[in-house]
C-alpha atoms as a PDB file:
ATOM      1  CA  MET A   1     -15.742 -42.918  35.191  1.00  0.00           C
ATOM      2  CA  ILE A   2     -13.248 -43.189  38.043  1.00  0.00           C
ATOM      3  CA  ALA A   3     -10.742 -40.511  36.995  1.00  0.00           C
ATOM      4  CA  ASP A   4     -10.649 -37.526  34.668  1.00  0.00           C
ATOM      5  CA  SER A   5      -7.674 -35.194  34.507  1.00  0.00           C
ATOM      6  CA  ARG A   6      -5.786 -32.741  32.367  1.00  0.00           C
ATOM      7  CA  ASN A   7      -2.905 -32.846  34.843  1.00  0.00           C
ATOM      8  CA  THR A   8      -1.472 -36.357  34.691  1.00  0.00           C
ATOM      9  CA  GLN A   9       2.237 -37.061  34.940  1.00  0.00           C
ATOM     10  CA  LEU A  10       3.483 -39.516  32.304  1.00  0.00           C
ATOM     11  CA  LEU A  11       6.191 -41.861  33.537  1.00  0.00           C
ATOM     12  CA  THR A  12       8.210 -43.937  31.083  1.00  0.00           C
ATOM     13  CA  GLU A  13      10.616 -46.494  32.517  1.00  0.00           C
ATOM     14  CA  GLY A  14      12.834 -48.619  30.299  1.00  0.00           C
ATOM     15  CA  ASN A  15      10.856 -51.407  28.593  1.00  0.00           C
ATOM     16  CA  LEU A  16       7.880 -51.090  30.963  1.00  0.00           C
ATOM     17  CA  PRO A  17       4.598 -49.617  29.707  1.00  0.00           C
ATOM     18  CA  SER A  18       4.282 -45.843  30.112  1.00  0.00           C
ATOM     19  CA  ARG A  19       1.969 -44.952  33.016  1.00  0.00           C
ATOM     20  CA  HIS A  20      -0.188 -41.920  33.674  1.00  0.00           C
ATOM     21  CA  TYR A  21      -0.213 -40.732  37.286  1.00  0.00           C
ATOM     22  CA  PHE A  22      -3.337 -38.800  38.332  1.00  0.00           C
ATOM     23  CA  PRO A  23      -3.707 -36.149  41.036  1.00  0.00           C
ATOM     24  CA  ARG A  24      -6.011 -37.478  43.789  1.00  0.00           C
ATOM     25  CA  GLU A  25      -8.412 -34.599  43.362  1.00  0.00           C
ATOM     26  CA  ASP A  26      -9.075 -35.893  39.822  1.00  0.00           C
ATOM     27  CA  VAL A  27      -9.933 -39.430  41.016  1.00  0.00           C
ATOM     28  CA  ALA A  28     -13.308 -40.483  42.478  1.00  0.00           C
ATOM     29  CA  MET A  29     -11.776 -41.887  45.673  1.00  0.00           C
ATOM     30  CA  LYS A  30     -15.199 -43.114  46.881  1.00  0.00           C
ATOM     31  CA  PHE A  31     -14.859 -46.022  44.421  1.00  0.00           C
ATOM     32  CA  LEU A  32     -11.425 -47.081  45.688  1.00  0.00           C
ATOM     33  CA  VAL A  33     -10.975 -49.755  48.346  1.00  0.00           C
ATOM     34  CA  ALA A  34      -7.664 -49.759  50.211  1.00  0.00           C
ATOM     35  CA  SER A  35      -5.678 -52.974  49.911  1.00  0.00           C
ATOM     36  CA  ALA A  36      -3.083 -54.461  52.234  1.00  0.00           C
ATOM     37  CA  SER A  37      -0.828 -55.011  49.202  1.00  0.00           C
ATOM     38  CA  VAL A  38       2.537 -53.257  49.077  1.00  0.00           C
ATOM     39  CA  THR A  39       5.280 -53.741  46.494  1.00  0.00           C
ATOM     40  CA  HIS A  40       8.797 -52.383  46.313  1.00  0.00           C
ATOM     41  CA  CYS A  41      10.466 -50.928  43.240  1.00  0.00           C
ATOM     42  CA  PRO A  42      14.209 -50.243  43.515  1.00  0.00           C
ATOM     43  CA  HIS A  43      13.755 -47.124  41.336  1.00  0.00           C
ATOM     44  CA  LYS A  44      10.630 -45.613  42.908  1.00  0.00           C
ATOM     45  CA  GLY A  45      10.210 -47.068  46.410  1.00  0.00           C
ATOM     46  CA  ASP A  46       7.186 -48.706  48.063  1.00  0.00           C
ATOM     47  CA  ALA A  47       3.775 -48.654  46.382  1.00  0.00           C
ATOM     48  CA  ARG A  48       0.459 -49.179  48.134  1.00  0.00           C
ATOM     49  CA  TYR A  49      -2.646 -50.394  46.300  1.00  0.00           C
ATOM     50  CA  TRP A  50      -6.409 -49.969  45.984  1.00  0.00           C
ATOM     51  CA  GLY A  51      -9.127 -51.945  44.311  1.00  0.00           C
ATOM     52  CA  ILE A  52     -12.002 -50.370  42.400  1.00  0.00           C
ATOM     53  CA  ASN A  53     -15.502 -51.103  43.685  1.00  0.00           C
ATOM     54  CA  SER A  54     -18.189 -50.599  41.065  1.00  0.00           C
ATOM     55  CA  ASN A  55     -21.665 -52.084  40.929  1.00  0.00           C
ATOM     56  CA  GLY A  56     -20.924 -54.336  43.911  1.00  0.00           C
ATOM     57  CA  GLU A  57     -17.841 -55.903  42.327  1.00  0.00           C
ATOM     58  CA  THR A  58     -14.231 -55.142  43.222  1.00  0.00           C
ATOM     59  CA  LEU A  59     -11.240 -55.279  40.897  1.00  0.00           C
ATOM     60  CA  ASP A  60      -8.375 -55.909  43.314  1.00  0.00           C
ATOM     61  CA  ASP A  61      -5.107 -53.980  43.245  1.00  0.00           C
ATOM     62  CA  VAL A  62      -5.610 -52.042  40.006  1.00  0.00           C
ATOM     63  CA  VAL A  63      -4.628 -48.627  41.396  1.00  0.00           C
ATOM     64  CA  TRP A  64      -1.343 -47.761  43.112  1.00  0.00           C
ATOM     65  CA  SER A  65       0.526 -44.836  44.563  1.00  0.00           C
ATOM     66  CA  TYR A  66       4.012 -44.104  45.797  1.00  0.00           C
ATOM     67  CA  GLU A  67       3.121 -42.126  48.907  1.00  0.00           C
ATOM     68  CA  GLU A  68       6.758 -41.448  49.811  1.00  0.00           C
ATOM     69  CA  PRO A  69       8.835 -42.341  46.734  1.00  0.00           C
ATOM     70  CA  LEU A  70      12.590 -42.171  46.544  1.00  0.00           C
ATOM     71  CA  ALA A  71      13.816 -38.561  46.300  1.00  0.00           C
ATOM     72  CA  GLU A  72      14.471 -38.662  42.546  1.00  0.00           C
ATOM     73  CA  MET A  73      10.847 -39.747  41.957  1.00  0.00           C
ATOM     74  CA  SER A  74       9.251 -37.072  44.160  1.00  0.00           C
ATOM     75  CA  PRO A  75       7.135 -35.653  41.270  1.00  0.00           C
ATOM     76  CA  ILE A  76       4.862 -38.746  41.483  1.00  0.00           C
ATOM     77  CA  ALA A  77       4.445 -38.633  45.293  1.00  0.00           C
ATOM     78  CA  GLY A  78       0.822 -39.277  46.214  1.00  0.00           C
ATOM     79  CA  LEU A  79      -0.361 -39.504  42.598  1.00  0.00           C
ATOM     80  CA  LEU A  80      -2.462 -42.502  41.517  1.00  0.00           C
ATOM     81  CA  SER A  81      -1.844 -44.784  38.564  1.00  0.00           C
ATOM     82  CA  PHE A  82      -4.006 -47.513  37.024  1.00  0.00           C
ATOM     83  CA  TYR A  83      -3.169 -50.853  35.436  1.00  0.00           C
ATOM     84  CA  ASP A  84      -4.551 -50.026  32.014  1.00  0.00           C
ATOM     85  CA  GLU A  85      -4.224 -53.723  31.178  1.00  0.00           C
ATOM     86  CA  ARG A  86      -7.125 -54.276  33.629  1.00  0.00           C
ATOM     87  CA  VAL A  87      -9.213 -51.109  33.220  1.00  0.00           C
ATOM     88  CA  THR A  88     -10.028 -48.888  30.264  1.00  0.00           C
ATOM     89  CA  LEU A  89      -7.824 -45.819  30.079  1.00  0.00           C
ATOM     90  CA  GLU A  90      -8.689 -43.276  27.400  1.00  0.00           C
ATOM     91  CA  ILE A  91      -6.075 -40.622  26.618  1.00  0.00           C
ATOM     92  CA  GLU A  92      -6.891 -37.547  24.587  1.00  0.00           C
ATOM     93  CA  ASP A  93      -4.255 -35.110  23.350  1.00  0.00           C
END
């Protein structure tokens, strides 16, 4: 397990999949490998990425964060999100 939280922020954006953003303290950062990848979203700002290293294998760029998002997206600043198309994300209510 890489992350476990009761304090995620759910972000829904138009037709895009809803994403859970996790506080860093709820993510096992020792499994994350910083990437040089950066993308830009006109609605959120610049995202930086991490891979997940587990059992000697790395899944590249499956975790991202908006370290300094645009002002209107400040609630997700520094939180981490996962491509649940590439990792298993289990949500319990």
